[in-house]
Amino acid sequence: MSDGQHERYKEVFCSDCQTVLGRYSTKYFSDRDIDELVRIHHATHIKQGHMMTIRISGNV
């Protein structure tokens, strides 16, 4: 961003696959929204027992 502010993102990371499955802007998505998106869109990883974490990242 041009005014010196950095947009913050929450990343959904699969420890088993060592892959970022998604990045969601904290400006537009609440924690509840992100939890719902993870349950819906990453259900396969969850059903396979993969360890998922949500971590904060800076400007992407």
PDB file of N, CA and C in Angstrom:
ATOM      1  N   MET A   1       0.837  -1.177   0.000  1.00  0.00           N
ATOM      2  CA  MET A   1       0.000   0.000   0.000  1.00  0.00           C
ATOM      3  C   MET A   1       0.876   1.233   0.000  1.00  0.00           C
ATOM      4  N   SER A   2       0.444   2.268  -0.623  1.00  0.00           N
ATOM      5  CA  SER A   2       1.295   3.429  -0.831  1.00  0.00           C
ATOM      6  C   SER A   2       1.444   4.305   0.404  1.00  0.00           C
ATOM      7  N   ASP A   3       0.562   4.200   1.390  1.00  0.00           N
ATOM      8  CA  ASP A   3       0.646   5.067   2.555  1.00  0.00           C
ATOM      9  C   ASP A   3       1.487   4.478   3.682  1.00  0.00           C
ATOM     10  N   GLY A   4       2.243   3.414   3.396  1.00  0.00           N
ATOM     11  CA  GLY A   4       3.130   2.825   4.384  1.00  0.00           C
ATOM     12  C   GLY A   4       2.483   1.717   5.199  1.00  0.00           C
ATOM     13  N   GLN A   5       1.179   1.520   5.061  1.00  0.00           N
ATOM     14  CA  GLN A   5       0.510   0.446   5.774  1.00  0.00           C
ATOM     15  C   GLN A   5       0.688  -0.847   4.995  1.00  0.00           C
ATOM     16  N   HIS A   6       0.779  -1.940   5.740  1.00  0.00           N
ATOM     17  CA  HIS A   6       0.892  -3.248   5.109  1.00  0.00           C
ATOM     18  C   HIS A   6      -0.413  -3.991   5.313  1.00  0.00           C
ATOM     19  N   GLU A   7      -0.927  -4.542   4.245  1.00  0.00           N
ATOM     20  CA  GLU A   7      -2.121  -5.349   4.368  1.00  0.00           C
ATOM     21  C   GLU A   7      -1.746  -6.682   4.986  1.00  0.00           C
ATOM     22  N   ARG A   8      -2.575  -7.153   5.919  1.00  0.00           N
ATOM     23  CA  ARG A   8      -2.286  -8.393   6.618  1.00  0.00           C
ATOM     24  C   ARG A   8      -3.169  -9.503   6.070  1.00  0.00           C
ATOM     25  N   TYR A   9      -2.594 -10.674   6.005  1.00  0.00           N
ATOM     26  CA  TYR A   9      -3.287 -11.848   5.508  1.00  0.00           C
ATOM     27  C   TYR A   9      -3.190 -12.959   6.529  1.00  0.00           C
ATOM     28  N   LYS A  10      -4.167 -13.841   6.511  1.00  0.00           N
ATOM     29  CA  LYS A  10      -4.079 -15.084   7.261  1.00  0.00           C
ATOM     30  C   LYS A  10      -3.926 -16.183   6.225  1.00  0.00           C
ATOM     31  N   GLU A  11      -2.914 -16.989   6.422  1.00  0.00           N
ATOM     32  CA  GLU A  11      -2.640 -18.098   5.511  1.00  0.00           C
ATOM     33  C   GLU A  11      -3.111 -19.399   6.140  1.00  0.00           C
ATOM     34  N   VAL A  12      -3.742 -20.220   5.333  1.00  0.00           N
ATOM     35  CA  VAL A  12      -4.102 -21.576   5.745  1.00  0.00           C
ATOM     36  C   VAL A  12      -2.978 -22.463   5.226  1.00  0.00           C
ATOM     37  N   PHE A  13      -2.272 -23.104   6.154  1.00  0.00           N
ATOM     38  CA  PHE A  13      -1.087 -23.885   5.825  1.00  0.00           C
ATOM     39  C   PHE A  13      -1.295 -25.335   6.225  1.00  0.00           C
ATOM     40  N   CYS A  14      -1.012 -26.257   5.308  1.00  0.00           N
ATOM     41  CA  CYS A  14      -1.076 -27.697   5.581  1.00  0.00           C
ATOM     42  C   CYS A  14       0.343 -28.175   5.899  1.00  0.00           C
ATOM     43  N   SER A  15       0.560 -28.582   7.139  1.00  0.00           N
ATOM     44  CA  SER A  15       1.890 -29.041   7.566  1.00  0.00           C
ATOM     45  C   SER A  15       2.295 -30.331   6.863  1.00  0.00           C
ATOM     46  N   ASP A  16       1.328 -31.191   6.573  1.00  0.00           N
ATOM     47  CA  ASP A  16       1.631 -32.462   5.924  1.00  0.00           C
ATOM     48  C   ASP A  16       2.082 -32.266   4.478  1.00  0.00           C
ATOM     49  N   CYS A  17       1.416 -31.371   3.769  1.00  0.00           N
ATOM     50  CA  CYS A  17       1.746 -31.096   2.358  1.00  0.00           C
ATOM     51  C   CYS A  17       2.819 -30.011   2.213  1.00  0.00           C
ATOM     52  N   GLN A  18       3.094 -29.295   3.318  1.00  0.00           N
ATOM     53  CA  GLN A  18       4.024 -28.154   3.295  1.00  0.00           C
ATOM     54  C   GLN A  18       3.588 -27.131   2.234  1.00  0.00           C
ATOM     55  N   THR A  19       2.277 -26.825   2.225  1.00  0.00           N
ATOM     56  CA  THR A  19       1.704 -25.958   1.204  1.00  0.00           C
ATOM     57  C   THR A  19       0.755 -24.949   1.827  1.00  0.00           C
ATOM     58  N   VAL A  20       0.812 -23.722   1.323  1.00  0.00           N
ATOM     59  CA  VAL A  20      -0.182 -22.713   1.684  1.00  0.00           C
ATOM     60  C   VAL A  20      -1.408 -22.989   0.821  1.00  0.00           C
ATOM     61  N   LEU A  21      -2.524 -23.291   1.447  1.00  0.00           N
ATOM     62  CA  LEU A  21      -3.744 -23.637   0.730  1.00  0.00           C
ATOM     63  C   LEU A  21      -4.579 -22.408   0.380  1.00  0.00           C
ATOM     64  N   GLY A  22      -4.376 -21.321   1.102  1.00  0.00           N
ATOM     65  CA  GLY A  22      -5.126 -20.109   0.802  1.00  0.00           C
ATOM     66  C   GLY A  22      -4.622 -18.936   1.622  1.00  0.00           C
ATOM     67  N   ARG A  23      -4.837 -17.739   1.103  1.00  0.00           N
ATOM     68  CA  ARG A  23      -4.504 -16.495   1.815  1.00  0.00           C
ATOM     69  C   ARG A  23      -5.745 -15.626   1.832  1.00  0.00           C
ATOM     70  N   TYR A  24      -6.079 -15.142   3.018  1.00  0.00           N
ATOM     71  CA  TYR A  24      -7.292 -14.354   3.172  1.00  0.00           C
ATOM     72  C   TYR A  24      -6.954 -13.037   3.867  1.00  0.00           C
ATOM     73  N   SER A  25      -7.402 -11.936   3.279  1.00  0.00           N
ATOM     74  CA  SER A  25      -7.150 -10.610   3.828  1.00  0.00           C
ATOM     75  C   SER A  25      -7.933 -10.417   5.123  1.00  0.00           C
ATOM     76  N   THR A  26      -7.249  -9.963   6.174  1.00  0.00           N
ATOM     77  CA  THR A  26      -7.920  -9.706   7.440  1.00  0.00           C
ATOM     78  C   THR A  26      -8.842  -8.488   7.333  1.00  0.00           C
ATOM     79  N   LYS A  27      -8.649  -7.705   6.299  1.00  0.00           N
ATOM     80  CA  LYS A  27      -9.515  -6.543   6.068  1.00  0.00           C
ATOM     81  C   LYS A  27     -10.915  -6.987   5.642  1.00  0.00           C
ATOM     82  N   TYR A  28     -11.010  -8.075   4.913  1.00  0.00           N
ATOM     83  CA  TYR A  28     -12.282  -8.529   4.350  1.00  0.00           C
ATOM     84  C   TYR A  28     -12.845  -9.790   4.990  1.00  0.00           C
ATOM     85  N   PHE A  29     -11.999 -10.596   5.655  1.00  0.00           N
ATOM     86  CA  PHE A  29     -12.446 -11.869   6.212  1.00  0.00           C
ATOM     87  C   PHE A  29     -12.209 -11.905   7.721  1.00  0.00           C
ATOM     88  N   SER A  30     -13.268 -12.179   8.468  1.00  0.00           N
ATOM     89  CA  SER A  30     -13.147 -12.344   9.913  1.00  0.00           C
ATOM     90  C   SER A  30     -12.619 -13.750  10.206  1.00  0.00           C
ATOM     91  N   ASP A  31     -12.255 -13.999  11.458  1.00  0.00           N
ATOM     92  CA  ASP A  31     -11.804 -15.340  11.852  1.00  0.00           C
ATOM     93  C   ASP A  31     -12.903 -16.368  11.590  1.00  0.00           C
ATOM     94  N   ARG A  32     -14.134 -15.993  11.856  1.00  0.00           N
ATOM     95  CA  ARG A  32     -15.261 -16.906  11.619  1.00  0.00           C
ATOM     96  C   ARG A  32     -15.393 -17.231  10.132  1.00  0.00           C
ATOM     97  N   ASP A  33     -15.239 -16.221   9.269  1.00  0.00           N
ATOM     98  CA  ASP A  33     -15.298 -16.446   7.818  1.00  0.00           C
ATOM     99  C   ASP A  33     -14.207 -17.412   7.371  1.00  0.00           C
ATOM    100  N   ILE A  34     -13.009 -17.203   7.870  1.00  0.00           N
ATOM    101  CA  ILE A  34     -11.876 -18.053   7.479  1.00  0.00           C
ATOM    102  C   ILE A  34     -12.088 -19.481   7.960  1.00  0.00           C
ATOM    103  N   ASP A  35     -12.578 -19.647   9.196  1.00  0.00           N
ATOM    104  CA  ASP A  35     -12.858 -20.995   9.707  1.00  0.00           C
ATOM    105  C   ASP A  35     -13.870 -21.714   8.815  1.00  0.00           C
ATOM    106  N   GLU A  36     -14.901 -20.991   8.393  1.00  0.00           N
ATOM    107  CA  GLU A  36     -15.918 -21.600   7.528  1.00  0.00           C
ATOM    108  C   GLU A  36     -15.346 -21.965   6.162  1.00  0.00           C
ATOM    109  N   LEU A  37     -14.527 -21.082   5.600  1.00  0.00           N
ATOM    110  CA  LEU A  37     -13.896 -21.364   4.311  1.00  0.00           C
ATOM    111  C   LEU A  37     -12.995 -22.592   4.393  1.00  0.00           C
ATOM    112  N   VAL A  38     -12.258 -22.710   5.477  1.00  0.00           N
ATOM    113  CA  VAL A  38     -11.372 -23.860   5.658  1.00  0.00           C
ATOM    114  C   VAL A  38     -12.202 -25.141   5.718  1.00  0.00           C
ATOM    115  N   ARG A  39     -13.277 -25.140   6.499  1.00  0.00           N
ATOM    116  CA  ARG A  39     -14.119 -26.336   6.618  1.00  0.00           C
ATOM    117  C   ARG A  39     -14.724 -26.734   5.277  1.00  0.00           C
ATOM    118  N   ILE A  40     -15.133 -25.755   4.481  1.00  0.00           N
ATOM    119  CA  ILE A  40     -15.795 -26.050   3.214  1.00  0.00           C
ATOM    120  C   ILE A  40     -14.802 -26.415   2.113  1.00  0.00           C
ATOM    121  N   HIS A  41     -13.776 -25.585   1.934  1.00  0.00           N
ATOM    122  CA  HIS A  41     -12.887 -25.735   0.784  1.00  0.00           C
ATOM    123  C   HIS A  41     -11.714 -26.691   0.996  1.00  0.00           C
ATOM    124  N   HIS A  42     -11.394 -26.966   2.234  1.00  0.00           N
ATOM    125  CA  HIS A  42     -10.239 -27.830   2.495  1.00  0.00           C
ATOM    126  C   HIS A  42     -10.647 -29.084   3.265  1.00  0.00           C
ATOM    127  N   ALA A  43     -11.887 -29.509   3.078  1.00  0.00           N
ATOM    128  CA  ALA A  43     -12.424 -30.675   3.786  1.00  0.00           C
ATOM    129  C   ALA A  43     -11.630 -31.940   3.502  1.00  0.00           C
ATOM    130  N   THR A  44     -11.126 -32.083   2.292  1.00  0.00           N
ATOM    131  CA  THR A  44     -10.356 -33.282   1.931  1.00  0.00           C
ATOM    132  C   THR A  44      -9.115 -33.408   2.808  1.00  0.00           C
ATOM    133  N   HIS A  45      -8.422 -32.311   3.006  1.00  0.00           N
ATOM    134  CA  HIS A  45      -7.222 -32.336   3.855  1.00  0.00           C
ATOM    135  C   HIS A  45      -7.602 -32.713   5.283  1.00  0.00           C
ATOM    136  N   ILE A  46      -8.685 -32.134   5.766  1.00  0.00           N
ATOM    137  CA  ILE A  46      -9.123 -32.400   7.135  1.00  0.00           C
ATOM    138  C   ILE A  46      -9.513 -33.873   7.282  1.00  0.00           C
ATOM    139  N   LYS A  47     -10.272 -34.404   6.326  1.00  0.00           N
ATOM    140  CA  LYS A  47     -10.712 -35.809   6.384  1.00  0.00           C
ATOM    141  C   LYS A  47      -9.537 -36.778   6.316  1.00  0.00           C
ATOM    142  N   GLN A  48      -8.467 -36.378   5.635  1.00  0.00           N
ATOM    143  CA  GLN A  48      -7.277 -37.224   5.542  1.00  0.00           C
ATOM    144  C   GLN A  48      -6.390 -37.101   6.780  1.00  0.00           C
ATOM    145  N   GLY A  49      -6.812 -36.277   7.741  1.00  0.00           N
ATOM    146  CA  GLY A  49      -6.076 -36.137   8.994  1.00  0.00           C
ATOM    147  C   GLY A  49      -4.894 -35.197   8.925  1.00  0.00           C
ATOM    148  N   HIS A  50      -4.833 -34.362   7.901  1.00  0.00           N
ATOM    149  CA  HIS A  50      -3.720 -33.429   7.770  1.00  0.00           C
ATOM    150  C   HIS A  50      -3.798 -32.345   8.849  1.00  0.00           C
ATOM    151  N   MET A  51      -2.648 -31.899   9.281  1.00  0.00           N
ATOM    152  CA  MET A  51      -2.551 -30.854  10.290  1.00  0.00           C
ATOM    153  C   MET A  51      -2.568 -29.494   9.597  1.00  0.00           C
ATOM    154  N   MET A  52      -3.598 -28.708   9.878  1.00  0.00           N
ATOM    155  CA  MET A  52      -3.737 -27.393   9.254  1.00  0.00           C
ATOM    156  C   MET A  52      -3.541 -26.322  10.313  1.00  0.00           C
ATOM    157  N   THR A  53      -2.845 -25.267   9.941  1.00  0.00           N
ATOM    158  CA  THR A  53      -2.681 -24.123  10.839  1.00  0.00           C
ATOM    159  C   THR A  53      -3.036 -22.858  10.069  1.00  0.00           C
ATOM    160  N   ILE A  54      -3.435 -21.858  10.817  1.00  0.00           N
ATOM    161  CA  ILE A  54      -3.709 -20.547  10.235  1.00  0.00           C
ATOM    162  C   ILE A  54      -2.673 -19.612  10.838  1.00  0.00           C
ATOM    163  N   ARG A  55      -1.924 -18.973   9.968  1.00  0.00           N
ATOM    164  CA  ARG A  55      -0.845 -18.092  10.427  1.00  0.00           C
ATOM    165  C   ARG A  55      -0.991 -16.730   9.761  1.00  0.00           C
ATOM    166  N   ILE A  56      -0.466 -15.721  10.446  1.00  0.00           N
ATOM    167  CA  ILE A  56      -0.521 -14.343   9.960  1.00  0.00           C
ATOM    168  C   ILE A  56       0.680 -14.095   9.061  1.00  0.00           C
ATOM    169  N   SER A  57       0.448 -13.452   7.942  1.00  0.00           N
ATOM    170  CA  SER A  57       1.566 -13.062   7.076  1.00  0.00           C
ATOM    171  C   SER A  57       1.425 -11.577   6.756  1.00  0.00           C
ATOM    172  N   GLY A  58       2.507 -10.995   6.330  1.00  0.00           N
ATOM    173  CA  GLY A  58       2.500  -9.577   5.987  1.00  0.00           C
ATOM    174  C   GLY A  58       2.099  -9.357   4.549  1.00  0.00           C
ATOM    175  N   ASN A  59       2.647  -8.345   3.949  1.00  0.00           N
ATOM    176  CA  ASN A  59       2.331  -7.979   2.567  1.00  0.00           C
ATOM    177  C   ASN A  59       2.763  -9.100   1.635  1.00  0.00           C
ATOM    178  N   VAL A  60       1.854  -9.545   0.786  1.00  0.00           N
ATOM    179  CA  VAL A  60       2.159 -10.663  -0.129  1.00  0.00           C
ATOM    180  C   VAL A  60       2.287 -10.150  -1.540  1.00  0.00           C
TER     181      VAL A  60
END
